[in-house]
Amino acid sequence: GTEDDKEEYFVFQDVEENSYEAPLLSGVSACPYDFSLLKTDEETGYKSYTDEKNGITARFGIDVSEFQGEEIDWEQVKTAGVEFVFVRLGYRAYGETGELVLDAMYDQNVQGALDAGLDVGVYFFSQAASAAEAVEEAEFVLKHVKPYDISGPVIYDTEEIKWDTSRTDGNTSQEFTNYCKVFCETIEHAGYEPMIYSNLKWMSFTLDMEELAEYEFWYADYHEIPQNPYDYAVWQYSESGVVPGINANVDLNLWFQKK
């Protein structure tokens, strides 16, 4: 029909360089960033972004979990130019029991980062298989952020378990979208800023982006230039960053600040 002729598509690649074609959604805000303005420090690989004309700058940050080890020197991290950190609060196990687990280094990482004067957000890896479980996850997160002065976002990390069967394999696209909303609404209701972590494959083929238009996204893409045609608040651009004070590779992020 004539409707189909008008539909626009975009092409992107995943981390394994597989190519995908997805319809471009007109109801979702377009990406406002001009990546010709992106700079990369040759020594560190750290990226920076300033768009004076449109009043958009970016803050540089990292995200950490127990996989970064027990001895992070947060003063050194801050001295290296890191401005914010997203700390993994925990996860729901993807096996059948689906128990909620606090990241082994959560309290130490949050306290250390706050003591060093960094802005802190937290993220939780979801395996909700019902709306009630998404609420349960949000309440678990709220209980553990309460003791701290968290000024950054509280992030819902929803993704595909590629290497194994998981308890969310039966979720429909609509269910995954609903669980994002339920989690984010619960977080927002408690006075925190919700955000959703995702990659482009998940955003293109699983989540209903038009239904999630009111929420900010933390977007993962390790290509030189991000491929996402839509707006997002944070770009996770590397999973192999090296930061003084951390004895393991660490994810690097830019958090865009729109004036």
C-alpha atoms as a PDB file:
ATOM      1  CA  GLY A   1       0.000   0.000   0.000  1.00  0.00           C
ATOM      2  CA  THR A   2       0.923   3.670  -0.281  1.00  0.00           C
ATOM      3  CA  GLU A   3       1.441   3.969   3.491  1.00  0.00           C
ATOM      4  CA  ASP A   4       4.406   1.598   3.409  1.00  0.00           C
ATOM      5  CA  ASP A   5       6.140   3.604   0.703  1.00  0.00           C
ATOM      6  CA  LYS A   6       6.397   6.578   3.045  1.00  0.00           C
ATOM      7  CA  GLU A   7       7.935   4.644   5.901  1.00  0.00           C
ATOM      8  CA  GLU A   8      11.576   5.493   6.506  1.00  0.00           C
ATOM      9  CA  TYR A   9      14.139   2.972   7.667  1.00  0.00           C
ATOM     10  CA  PHE A  10      17.579   3.190   9.188  1.00  0.00           C
ATOM     11  CA  VAL A  11      20.359   0.617   9.239  1.00  0.00           C
ATOM     12  CA  PHE A  12      22.643  -0.131  12.184  1.00  0.00           C
ATOM     13  CA  GLN A  13      25.075  -2.761  13.395  1.00  0.00           C
ATOM     14  CA  ASP A  14      25.289  -4.552  16.725  1.00  0.00           C
ATOM     15  CA  VAL A  15      28.525  -5.214  18.639  1.00  0.00           C
ATOM     16  CA  GLU A  16      29.199  -8.264  16.457  1.00  0.00           C
ATOM     17  CA  GLU A  17      28.766  -6.139  13.290  1.00  0.00           C
ATOM     18  CA  ASN A  18      25.504  -7.853  12.288  1.00  0.00           C
ATOM     19  CA  SER A  19      23.395  -5.403  10.278  1.00  0.00           C
ATOM     20  CA  TYR A  20      19.745  -4.617  11.000  1.00  0.00           C
ATOM     21  CA  GLU A  21      17.127  -2.466   9.331  1.00  0.00           C
ATOM     22  CA  ALA A  22      14.461  -0.861  11.494  1.00  0.00           C
ATOM     23  CA  PRO A  23      11.608   1.554  10.835  1.00  0.00           C
ATOM     24  CA  LEU A  24      12.331   5.138  11.871  1.00  0.00           C
ATOM     25  CA  LEU A  25       9.665   6.183  14.371  1.00  0.00           C
ATOM     26  CA  SER A  26       8.321   9.671  13.757  1.00  0.00           C
ATOM     27  CA  GLY A  27       6.787   9.847  17.255  1.00  0.00           C
ATOM     28  CA  VAL A  28      10.146   9.657  19.048  1.00  0.00           C
ATOM     29  CA  SER A  29      12.421  12.697  19.490  1.00  0.00           C
ATOM     30  CA  ALA A  30      15.336  12.742  17.068  1.00  0.00           C
ATOM     31  CA  CYS A  31      18.953  12.701  18.224  1.00  0.00           C
ATOM     32  CA  PRO A  32      20.000  16.339  18.801  1.00  0.00           C
ATOM     33  CA  TYR A  33      23.778  15.782  18.839  1.00  0.00           C
ATOM     34  CA  ASP A  34      26.269  16.793  16.155  1.00  0.00           C
ATOM     35  CA  PHE A  35      29.020  14.190  16.396  1.00  0.00           C
ATOM     36  CA  SER A  36      31.393  16.164  14.211  1.00  0.00           C
ATOM     37  CA  LEU A  37      31.947  18.043  17.516  1.00  0.00           C
ATOM     38  CA  LEU A  38      33.014  14.887  19.385  1.00  0.00           C
ATOM     39  CA  LYS A  39      36.631  14.910  20.546  1.00  0.00           C
ATOM     40  CA  THR A  40      38.701  11.924  21.685  1.00  0.00           C
ATOM     41  CA  ASP A  41      41.807  12.311  23.830  1.00  0.00           C
ATOM     42  CA  GLU A  42      44.558  10.366  22.058  1.00  0.00           C
ATOM     43  CA  GLU A  43      46.283   9.298  25.264  1.00  0.00           C
ATOM     44  CA  THR A  44      43.313   8.192  27.359  1.00  0.00           C
ATOM     45  CA  GLY A  45      40.624   7.497  24.756  1.00  0.00           C
ATOM     46  CA  TYR A  46      38.251   9.645  26.830  1.00  0.00           C
ATOM     47  CA  LYS A  47      35.673  11.473  24.754  1.00  0.00           C
ATOM     48  CA  SER A  48      34.349  14.999  25.222  1.00  0.00           C
ATOM     49  CA  TYR A  49      31.584  16.981  23.568  1.00  0.00           C
ATOM     50  CA  THR A  50      30.749  20.679  23.399  1.00  0.00           C
ATOM     51  CA  ASP A  51      28.136  22.204  21.118  1.00  0.00           C
ATOM     52  CA  GLU A  52      28.240  25.895  21.993  1.00  0.00           C
ATOM     53  CA  LYS A  53      25.767  26.887  19.300  1.00  0.00           C
ATOM     54  CA  ASN A  54      23.001  24.669  20.718  1.00  0.00           C
ATOM     55  CA  GLY A  55      24.090  24.914  24.360  1.00  0.00           C
ATOM     56  CA  ILE A  56      24.833  21.200  24.769  1.00  0.00           C
ATOM     57  CA  THR A  57      27.843  19.937  26.704  1.00  0.00           C
ATOM     58  CA  ALA A  58      28.682  16.517  28.116  1.00  0.00           C
ATOM     59  CA  ARG A  59      29.988  15.268  31.445  1.00  0.00           C
ATOM     60  CA  PHE A  60      32.418  12.353  31.527  1.00  0.00           C
ATOM     61  CA  GLY A  61      31.677   9.357  33.724  1.00  0.00           C
ATOM     62  CA  ILE A  62      31.931   5.649  34.365  1.00  0.00           C
ATOM     63  CA  ASP A  63      29.762   2.815  35.595  1.00  0.00           C
ATOM     64  CA  VAL A  64      30.963   0.182  38.042  1.00  0.00           C
ATOM     65  CA  SER A  65      29.884  -3.049  39.701  1.00  0.00           C
ATOM     66  CA  GLU A  66      31.528  -5.799  41.755  1.00  0.00           C
ATOM     67  CA  PHE A  67      33.366  -6.776  38.523  1.00  0.00           C
ATOM     68  CA  GLN A  68      35.622  -3.728  38.973  1.00  0.00           C
ATOM     69  CA  GLY A  69      37.031  -5.298  42.141  1.00  0.00           C
ATOM     70  CA  GLU A  70      37.135  -4.345  45.795  1.00  0.00           C
ATOM     71  CA  GLU A  71      39.737  -1.609  45.917  1.00  0.00           C
ATOM     72  CA  ILE A  72      38.672   1.398  43.870  1.00  0.00           C
ATOM     73  CA  ASP A  73      40.637   4.542  44.727  1.00  0.00           C
ATOM     74  CA  TRP A  74      37.867   7.091  44.208  1.00  0.00           C
ATOM     75  CA  GLU A  75      40.111  10.127  44.762  1.00  0.00           C
ATOM     76  CA  GLN A  76      42.293   8.952  41.868  1.00  0.00           C
ATOM     77  CA  VAL A  77      39.182   8.358  39.754  1.00  0.00           C
ATOM     78  CA  LYS A  78      38.044  11.915  40.377  1.00  0.00           C
ATOM     79  CA  THR A  79      41.496  13.354  39.676  1.00  0.00           C
ATOM     80  CA  ALA A  80      41.446  11.548  36.307  1.00  0.00           C
ATOM     81  CA  GLY A  81      38.507  13.780  35.288  1.00  0.00           C
ATOM     82  CA  VAL A  82      35.583  11.473  36.041  1.00  0.00           C
ATOM     83  CA  GLU A  83      32.549  13.590  37.050  1.00  0.00           C
ATOM     84  CA  PHE A  84      29.870  10.983  37.698  1.00  0.00           C
ATOM     85  CA  VAL A  85      29.485   7.276  38.349  1.00  0.00           C
ATOM     86  CA  PHE A  86      26.563   4.915  37.853  1.00  0.00           C
ATOM     87  CA  VAL A  87      26.881   2.139  40.425  1.00  0.00           C
ATOM     88  CA  ARG A  88      25.236  -1.231  39.946  1.00  0.00           C
ATOM     89  CA  LEU A  89      22.873  -1.644  42.860  1.00  0.00           C
ATOM     90  CA  GLY A  90      22.004  -5.214  42.044  1.00  0.00           C
ATOM     91  CA  TYR A  91      20.165  -7.591  39.801  1.00  0.00           C
ATOM     92  CA  ARG A  92      17.462 -10.193  39.628  1.00  0.00           C
ATOM     93  CA  ALA A  93      18.962 -13.596  38.914  1.00  0.00           C
ATOM     94  CA  TYR A  94      17.905 -14.771  35.458  1.00  0.00           C
ATOM     95  CA  GLY A  95      17.346 -18.362  36.639  1.00  0.00           C
ATOM     96  CA  GLU A  96      13.944 -19.634  37.664  1.00  0.00           C
ATOM     97  CA  THR A  97      13.989 -18.484  41.289  1.00  0.00           C
ATOM     98  CA  GLY A  98      14.611 -14.916  40.150  1.00  0.00           C
ATOM     99  CA  GLU A  99      15.945 -13.828  43.526  1.00  0.00           C
ATOM    100  CA  LEU A 100      16.909 -10.185  44.061  1.00  0.00           C
ATOM    101  CA  VAL A 101      20.625  -9.771  44.700  1.00  0.00           C
ATOM    102  CA  LEU A 102      22.488  -6.724  46.014  1.00  0.00           C
ATOM    103  CA  ASP A 103      25.767  -6.097  44.181  1.00  0.00           C
ATOM    104  CA  ALA A 104      28.535  -7.194  46.558  1.00  0.00           C
ATOM    105  CA  MET A 105      30.322  -3.839  46.221  1.00  0.00           C
ATOM    106  CA  TYR A 106      27.251  -1.578  46.093  1.00  0.00           C
ATOM    107  CA  ASP A 107      27.475   0.131  49.489  1.00  0.00           C
ATOM    108  CA  GLN A 108      31.249   0.536  49.329  1.00  0.00           C
ATOM    109  CA  ASN A 109      31.163   1.919  45.780  1.00  0.00           C
ATOM    110  CA  VAL A 110      28.375   4.422  46.484  1.00  0.00           C
ATOM    111  CA  GLN A 111      29.957   5.660  49.712  1.00  0.00           C
ATOM    112  CA  GLY A 112      33.423   5.913  48.163  1.00  0.00           C
ATOM    113  CA  ALA A 113      32.167   7.803  45.119  1.00  0.00           C
ATOM    114  CA  LEU A 114      30.091  10.200  47.232  1.00  0.00           C
ATOM    115  CA  ASP A 115      33.016  10.809  49.603  1.00  0.00           C
ATOM    116  CA  ALA A 116      35.187  11.755  46.612  1.00  0.00           C
ATOM    117  CA  GLY A 117      32.577  14.306  45.520  1.00  0.00           C
ATOM    118  CA  LEU A 118      31.286  12.465  42.473  1.00  0.00           C
ATOM    119  CA  ASP A 119      27.660  12.571  41.343  1.00  0.00           C
ATOM    120  CA  VAL A 120      26.155   9.123  41.796  1.00  0.00           C
ATOM    121  CA  GLY A 121      23.363   7.299  39.991  1.00  0.00           C
ATOM    122  CA  VAL A 122      22.472   3.631  40.324  1.00  0.00           C
ATOM    123  CA  TYR A 123      21.313   0.902  37.974  1.00  0.00           C
ATOM    124  CA  PHE A 124      19.493  -2.380  38.455  1.00  0.00           C
ATOM    125  CA  PHE A 125      19.568  -5.318  36.057  1.00  0.00           C
ATOM    126  CA  SER A 126      15.974  -6.460  35.650  1.00  0.00           C
ATOM    127  CA  GLN A 127      14.613  -9.896  34.979  1.00  0.00           C
ATOM    128  CA  ALA A 128      10.996  -9.036  35.757  1.00  0.00           C
ATOM    129  CA  ALA A 129       8.517 -11.506  34.319  1.00  0.00           C
ATOM    130  CA  SER A 130       5.437  -9.627  35.600  1.00  0.00           C
ATOM    131  CA  ALA A 131       4.410  -6.084  36.497  1.00  0.00           C
ATOM    132  CA  ALA A 132       4.422  -7.088  40.178  1.00  0.00           C
ATOM    133  CA  GLU A 133       8.048  -8.156  39.848  1.00  0.00           C
ATOM    134  CA  ALA A 134       8.966  -4.827  38.208  1.00  0.00           C
ATOM    135  CA  VAL A 135       7.442  -3.039  41.227  1.00  0.00           C
ATOM    136  CA  GLU A 136       9.295  -5.414  43.564  1.00  0.00           C
ATOM    137  CA  GLU A 137      12.567  -4.565  41.787  1.00  0.00           C
ATOM    138  CA  ALA A 138      11.885  -0.829  42.085  1.00  0.00           C
ATOM    139  CA  GLU A 139      11.084  -1.154  45.794  1.00  0.00           C
ATOM    140  CA  PHE A 140      14.265  -3.158  46.371  1.00  0.00           C
ATOM    141  CA  VAL A 141      16.222  -0.378  44.647  1.00  0.00           C
ATOM    142  CA  LEU A 142      14.493   2.378  46.635  1.00  0.00           C
ATOM    143  CA  LYS A 143      15.241   0.615  49.914  1.00  0.00           C
ATOM    144  CA  HIS A 144      18.956   0.571  49.085  1.00  0.00           C
ATOM    145  CA  VAL A 145      19.255   4.124  47.709  1.00  0.00           C
ATOM    146  CA  LYS A 146      17.465   5.620  50.683  1.00  0.00           C
ATOM    147  CA  PRO A 147      20.515   5.838  53.010  1.00  0.00           C
ATOM    148  CA  TYR A 148      22.504   7.834  50.421  1.00  0.00           C
ATOM    149  CA  ASP A 149      22.343  11.256  48.812  1.00  0.00           C
ATOM    150  CA  ILE A 150      21.854  10.047  45.246  1.00  0.00           C
ATOM    151  CA  SER A 151      21.540  12.966  42.834  1.00  0.00           C
ATOM    152  CA  GLY A 152      21.898  10.982  39.609  1.00  0.00           C
ATOM    153  CA  PRO A 153      19.324   8.803  37.870  1.00  0.00           C
ATOM    154  CA  VAL A 154      17.926   5.464  39.028  1.00  0.00           C
ATOM    155  CA  ILE A 155      18.279   3.269  35.960  1.00  0.00           C
ATOM    156  CA  TYR A 156      16.327   0.254  34.775  1.00  0.00           C
ATOM    157  CA  ASP A 157      18.656  -2.063  32.856  1.00  0.00           C
ATOM    158  CA  THR A 158      16.632  -4.300  30.556  1.00  0.00           C
ATOM    159  CA  GLU A 159      18.409  -6.467  27.993  1.00  0.00           C
ATOM    160  CA  GLU A 160      18.568  -9.802  26.280  1.00  0.00           C
ATOM    161  CA  ILE A 161      20.415 -12.668  27.969  1.00  0.00           C
ATOM    162  CA  LYS A 162      22.333 -13.808  24.889  1.00  0.00           C
ATOM    163  CA  TRP A 163      24.349 -16.648  26.370  1.00  0.00           C
ATOM    164  CA  ASP A 164      21.665 -18.606  28.202  1.00  0.00           C
ATOM    165  CA  THR A 165      17.950 -19.209  28.583  1.00  0.00           C
ATOM    166  CA  SER A 166      16.392 -16.741  30.997  1.00  0.00           C
ATOM    167  CA  ARG A 167      13.166 -16.220  32.893  1.00  0.00           C
ATOM    168  CA  THR A 168      12.247 -13.281  30.622  1.00  0.00           C
ATOM    169  CA  ASP A 169      12.516 -15.210  27.334  1.00  0.00           C
ATOM    170  CA  GLY A 170       8.714 -15.460  27.254  1.00  0.00           C
ATOM    171  CA  ASN A 171       8.114 -11.706  27.741  1.00  0.00           C
ATOM    172  CA  THR A 172       6.406  -9.968  24.842  1.00  0.00           C
ATOM    173  CA  SER A 173       7.540  -6.609  23.517  1.00  0.00           C
ATOM    174  CA  GLN A 174       4.523  -5.009  25.191  1.00  0.00           C
ATOM    175  CA  GLU A 175       5.400  -6.655  28.522  1.00  0.00           C
ATOM    176  CA  PHE A 176       9.032  -5.486  28.401  1.00  0.00           C
ATOM    177  CA  THR A 177       7.740  -1.973  27.681  1.00  0.00           C
ATOM    178  CA  ASN A 178       5.193  -2.150  30.512  1.00  0.00           C
ATOM    179  CA  TYR A 179       7.802  -3.300  33.022  1.00  0.00           C
ATOM    180  CA  CYS A 180       9.972  -0.300  32.082  1.00  0.00           C
ATOM    181  CA  LYS A 181       7.012   1.981  32.741  1.00  0.00           C
ATOM    182  CA  VAL A 182       6.044   0.320  36.009  1.00  0.00           C
ATOM    183  CA  PHE A 183       9.610   0.469  37.333  1.00  0.00           C
ATOM    184  CA  CYS A 184      10.132   4.075  36.213  1.00  0.00           C
ATOM    185  CA  GLU A 185       6.794   5.249  37.608  1.00  0.00           C
ATOM    186  CA  THR A 186       7.578   3.687  40.995  1.00  0.00           C
ATOM    187  CA  ILE A 187      11.008   5.368  41.029  1.00  0.00           C
ATOM    188  CA  GLU A 188       9.566   8.725  39.954  1.00  0.00           C
ATOM    189  CA  HIS A 189       6.830   8.514  42.577  1.00  0.00           C
ATOM    190  CA  ALA A 190       9.556   8.209  45.239  1.00  0.00           C
ATOM    191  CA  GLY A 191      11.185  11.436  44.017  1.00  0.00           C
ATOM    192  CA  TYR A 192      14.067  10.059  41.951  1.00  0.00           C
ATOM    193  CA  GLU A 193      14.865  10.555  38.279  1.00  0.00           C
ATOM    194  CA  PRO A 194      14.215   7.330  36.334  1.00  0.00           C
ATOM    195  CA  MET A 195      16.202   6.303  33.254  1.00  0.00           C
ATOM    196  CA  ILE A 196      16.284   3.227  30.998  1.00  0.00           C
ATOM    197  CA  TYR A 197      19.464   1.464  29.849  1.00  0.00           C
ATOM    198  CA  SER A 198      19.298  -0.102  26.407  1.00  0.00           C
ATOM    199  CA  ASN A 199      21.042  -0.767  23.128  1.00  0.00           C
ATOM    200  CA  LEU A 200      19.720  -0.013  19.651  1.00  0.00           C
ATOM    201  CA  LYS A 201      18.612  -3.557  18.858  1.00  0.00           C
ATOM    202  CA  TRP A 202      16.469  -3.596  22.007  1.00  0.00           C
ATOM    203  CA  MET A 203      15.124  -0.108  21.294  1.00  0.00           C
ATOM    204  CA  SER A 204      14.329  -0.978  17.671  1.00  0.00           C
ATOM    205  CA  PHE A 205      12.750  -4.400  18.020  1.00  0.00           C
ATOM    206  CA  THR A 206      11.676  -4.954  21.641  1.00  0.00           C
ATOM    207  CA  LEU A 207      10.737  -1.747  23.449  1.00  0.00           C
ATOM    208  CA  ASP A 208       7.855   0.419  22.255  1.00  0.00           C
ATOM    209  CA  MET A 209       9.817   3.665  22.142  1.00  0.00           C
ATOM    210  CA  GLU A 210       6.748   5.805  21.524  1.00  0.00           C
ATOM    211  CA  GLU A 211       5.243   4.565  24.784  1.00  0.00           C
ATOM    212  CA  LEU A 212       8.475   5.357  26.639  1.00  0.00           C
ATOM    213  CA  ALA A 213       8.935   8.828  25.137  1.00  0.00           C
ATOM    214  CA  GLU A 214       8.713  10.576  28.518  1.00  0.00           C
ATOM    215  CA  TYR A 215      11.780   8.734  29.897  1.00  0.00           C
ATOM    216  CA  GLU A 216      15.445   9.405  29.335  1.00  0.00           C
ATOM    217  CA  PHE A 217      17.693   6.684  27.986  1.00  0.00           C
ATOM    218  CA  TRP A 218      21.208   5.523  28.751  1.00  0.00           C
ATOM    219  CA  TYR A 219      22.293   4.156  25.406  1.00  0.00           C
ATOM    220  CA  ALA A 220      25.080   1.612  24.799  1.00  0.00           C
ATOM    221  CA  ASP A 221      26.941   1.740  21.471  1.00  0.00           C
ATOM    222  CA  TYR A 222      30.667   1.033  21.104  1.00  0.00           C
ATOM    223  CA  HIS A 223      30.998   2.320  17.538  1.00  0.00           C
ATOM    224  CA  GLU A 224      33.094   5.444  16.955  1.00  0.00           C
ATOM    225  CA  ILE A 225      29.939   7.458  16.305  1.00  0.00           C
ATOM    226  CA  PRO A 226      26.671   6.385  17.942  1.00  0.00           C
ATOM    227  CA  GLN A 227      24.129   5.066  15.443  1.00  0.00           C
ATOM    228  CA  ASN A 228      20.961   5.867  17.369  1.00  0.00           C
ATOM    229  CA  PRO A 229      18.600   8.178  15.431  1.00  0.00           C
ATOM    230  CA  TYR A 230      16.675   8.975  18.640  1.00  0.00           C
ATOM    231  CA  ASP A 231      17.359  11.233  21.602  1.00  0.00           C
ATOM    232  CA  TYR A 232      19.145   9.833  24.666  1.00  0.00           C
ATOM    233  CA  ALA A 233      20.694  11.392  27.756  1.00  0.00           C
ATOM    234  CA  VAL A 234      23.770   9.229  28.271  1.00  0.00           C
ATOM    235  CA  TRP A 235      25.997   7.423  25.763  1.00  0.00           C
ATOM    236  CA  GLN A 236      27.996   4.438  27.040  1.00  0.00           C
ATOM    237  CA  TYR A 237      30.736   4.404  24.403  1.00  0.00           C
ATOM    238  CA  SER A 238      33.280   1.879  25.652  1.00  0.00           C
ATOM    239  CA  GLU A 239      33.421  -1.212  27.828  1.00  0.00           C
ATOM    240  CA  SER A 240      37.214  -1.295  27.881  1.00  0.00           C
ATOM    241  CA  GLY A 241      38.145   2.056  29.405  1.00  0.00           C
ATOM    242  CA  VAL A 242      41.189   2.438  31.631  1.00  0.00           C
ATOM    243  CA  VAL A 243      40.791   4.756  34.616  1.00  0.00           C
ATOM    244  CA  PRO A 244      43.463   5.402  37.284  1.00  0.00           C
ATOM    245  CA  GLY A 245      42.379   3.990  40.641  1.00  0.00           C
ATOM    246  CA  ILE A 246      40.469   1.049  39.115  1.00  0.00           C
ATOM    247  CA  ASN A 247      42.262  -2.269  38.600  1.00  0.00           C
ATOM    248  CA  ALA A 248      39.968  -3.509  35.826  1.00  0.00           C
ATOM    249  CA  ASN A 249      38.557  -2.248  32.557  1.00  0.00           C
ATOM    250  CA  VAL A 250      35.559   0.007  33.038  1.00  0.00           C
ATOM    251  CA  ASP A 251      32.689   1.361  30.934  1.00  0.00           C
ATOM    252  CA  LEU A 252      33.029   4.988  29.805  1.00  0.00           C
ATOM    253  CA  ASN A 253      30.074   7.342  29.353  1.00  0.00           C
ATOM    254  CA  LEU A 254      29.111  10.824  28.209  1.00  0.00           C
ATOM    255  CA  TRP A 255      26.115  12.409  29.936  1.00  0.00           C
ATOM    256  CA  PHE A 256      24.711  15.163  27.729  1.00  0.00           C
ATOM    257  CA  GLN A 257      23.615  18.362  29.429  1.00  0.00           C
ATOM    258  CA  LYS A 258      21.096  20.434  27.483  1.00  0.00           C
ATOM    259  CA  LYS A 259      20.845  24.043  28.612  1.00  0.00           C
END
